[in-house]
Amino acid sequence: MRERRRDERVADSAGTIWRKSTRSGNGGNCVEVATNLLARQGAVFVRDSKDPLGGQIAVTARSWTAFTYALREGALTP
């Protein structure tokens, strides 16, 4: 059984809660995810943790779920 760690969370001035996995380490190659921004529309927002004021992308919650599942299962390789 894997140990579950708490994600790091930060709120921006608009009240959006961005989270970064604690598994990402301190290497700087991380993304932050916000799911509370447009939850009613089922959107997930992603941004670069090094540039929080930079651009964001939005994907459907369904696409995000499929993407993270593929990562966990090892279906995606660099």
C-alpha atoms as a PDB file:
ATOM      1  CA  MET A   1       0.000   0.000   0.000  1.00  0.00           C
ATOM      2  CA  ARG A   2       1.371   3.386  -0.985  1.00  0.00           C
ATOM      3  CA  GLU A   3       1.657   6.125   1.583  1.00  0.00           C
ATOM      4  CA  ARG A   4      -0.527   9.087   0.672  1.00  0.00           C
ATOM      5  CA  ARG A   5       1.057  12.484   1.217  1.00  0.00           C
ATOM      6  CA  ARG A   6      -0.722  15.801   1.414  1.00  0.00           C
ATOM      7  CA  ASP A   7      -0.376  18.042  -1.609  1.00  0.00           C
ATOM      8  CA  GLU A   8       1.040  21.533  -1.223  1.00  0.00           C
ATOM      9  CA  ARG A   9      -1.721  24.112  -1.679  1.00  0.00           C
ATOM     10  CA  VAL A  10      -1.642  27.845  -2.275  1.00  0.00           C
ATOM     11  CA  ALA A  11      -4.479  30.306  -2.917  1.00  0.00           C
ATOM     12  CA  ASP A  12      -4.043  33.208  -5.295  1.00  0.00           C
ATOM     13  CA  SER A  13      -5.635  36.666  -5.051  1.00  0.00           C
ATOM     14  CA  ALA A  14      -8.754  35.451  -6.883  1.00  0.00           C
ATOM     15  CA  GLY A  15      -9.283  32.697  -4.319  1.00  0.00           C
ATOM     16  CA  THR A  16      -8.277  29.925  -6.676  1.00  0.00           C
ATOM     17  CA  ILE A  17      -6.647  27.038  -4.840  1.00  0.00           C
ATOM     18  CA  TRP A  18      -3.639  25.692  -6.704  1.00  0.00           C
ATOM     19  CA  ARG A  19      -2.049  22.437  -5.615  1.00  0.00           C
ATOM     20  CA  LYS A  20       1.261  20.788  -6.367  1.00  0.00           C
ATOM     21  CA  SER A  21       2.019  17.186  -5.523  1.00  0.00           C
ATOM     22  CA  THR A  22       4.503  16.647  -2.724  1.00  0.00           C
ATOM     23  CA  ARG A  23       6.035  13.973  -4.962  1.00  0.00           C
ATOM     24  CA  SER A  24       7.231  16.675  -7.352  1.00  0.00           C
ATOM     25  CA  GLY A  25      10.253  17.507  -5.187  1.00  0.00           C
ATOM     26  CA  ASN A  26      12.275  20.707  -5.475  1.00  0.00           C
ATOM     27  CA  GLY A  27      13.633  20.295  -9.004  1.00  0.00           C
ATOM     28  CA  GLY A  28      11.469  23.055 -10.447  1.00  0.00           C
ATOM     29  CA  ASN A  29       9.939  20.854 -13.146  1.00  0.00           C
ATOM     30  CA  CYS A  30       6.457  20.972 -11.665  1.00  0.00           C
ATOM     31  CA  VAL A  31       2.948  21.977 -12.535  1.00  0.00           C
ATOM     32  CA  GLU A  32       0.182  23.194 -10.276  1.00  0.00           C
ATOM     33  CA  VAL A  33      -3.440  22.206 -10.743  1.00  0.00           C
ATOM     34  CA  ALA A  34      -6.653  24.051  -9.846  1.00  0.00           C
ATOM     35  CA  THR A  35      -9.945  22.204  -9.904  1.00  0.00           C
ATOM     36  CA  ASN A  36     -12.106  24.689  -8.013  1.00  0.00           C
ATOM     37  CA  LEU A  37     -11.986  27.507 -10.597  1.00  0.00           C
ATOM     38  CA  LEU A  38     -14.782  26.339 -12.866  1.00  0.00           C
ATOM     39  CA  ALA A  39     -15.853  23.159 -11.139  1.00  0.00           C
ATOM     40  CA  ARG A  40     -19.367  23.457 -12.477  1.00  0.00           C
ATOM     41  CA  GLN A  41     -18.046  23.276 -16.022  1.00  0.00           C
ATOM     42  CA  GLY A  42     -15.825  20.311 -15.165  1.00  0.00           C
ATOM     43  CA  ALA A  43     -12.567  22.094 -16.025  1.00  0.00           C
ATOM     44  CA  VAL A  44      -9.101  21.521 -14.597  1.00  0.00           C
ATOM     45  CA  PHE A  45      -6.546  24.316 -14.906  1.00  0.00           C
ATOM     46  CA  VAL A  46      -2.795  23.683 -15.105  1.00  0.00           C
ATOM     47  CA  ARG A  47       0.103  26.143 -14.791  1.00  0.00           C
ATOM     48  CA  ASP A  48       3.887  26.112 -14.428  1.00  0.00           C
ATOM     49  CA  SER A  49       4.839  26.307 -10.747  1.00  0.00           C
ATOM     50  CA  LYS A  50       7.923  28.418 -11.585  1.00  0.00           C
ATOM     51  CA  ASP A  51       5.774  31.063 -13.330  1.00  0.00           C
ATOM     52  CA  PRO A  52       2.444  31.308 -11.502  1.00  0.00           C
ATOM     53  CA  LEU A  53       1.577  34.574 -13.252  1.00  0.00           C
ATOM     54  CA  GLY A  54       2.242  33.052 -16.670  1.00  0.00           C
ATOM     55  CA  GLY A  55      -0.263  31.258 -18.832  1.00  0.00           C
ATOM     56  CA  GLN A  56      -2.621  28.501 -17.838  1.00  0.00           C
ATOM     57  CA  ILE A  57      -4.218  25.738 -19.815  1.00  0.00           C
ATOM     58  CA  ALA A  58      -7.670  24.313 -19.214  1.00  0.00           C
ATOM     59  CA  VAL A  59      -8.637  20.725 -19.901  1.00  0.00           C
ATOM     60  CA  THR A  60     -11.824  18.832 -19.232  1.00  0.00           C
ATOM     61  CA  ALA A  61     -11.999  16.920 -15.982  1.00  0.00           C
ATOM     62  CA  ARG A  62     -12.479  13.756 -18.032  1.00  0.00           C
ATOM     63  CA  SER A  63      -9.266  14.390 -19.999  1.00  0.00           C
ATOM     64  CA  TRP A  64      -7.341  15.160 -16.801  1.00  0.00           C
ATOM     65  CA  THR A  65      -8.561  11.946 -15.188  1.00  0.00           C
ATOM     66  CA  ALA A  66      -7.499   9.916 -18.236  1.00  0.00           C
ATOM     67  CA  PHE A  67      -4.098  11.648 -18.310  1.00  0.00           C
ATOM     68  CA  THR A  68      -3.329  11.077 -14.623  1.00  0.00           C
ATOM     69  CA  TYR A  69      -4.521   7.469 -14.868  1.00  0.00           C
ATOM     70  CA  ALA A  70      -2.142   6.864 -17.787  1.00  0.00           C
ATOM     71  CA  LEU A  71       0.720   8.387 -15.763  1.00  0.00           C
ATOM     72  CA  ARG A  72       0.013   6.177 -12.755  1.00  0.00           C
ATOM     73  CA  GLU A  73      -0.192   3.069 -14.915  1.00  0.00           C
ATOM     74  CA  GLY A  74       3.107   3.835 -16.663  1.00  0.00           C
ATOM     75  CA  ALA A  75       1.464   4.137 -20.079  1.00  0.00           C
ATOM     76  CA  LEU A  76       3.261   7.426 -20.821  1.00  0.00           C
ATOM     77  CA  THR A  77       7.017   7.490 -21.209  1.00  0.00           C
ATOM     78  CA  PRO A  78       9.337  10.472 -21.719  1.00  0.00           C
END
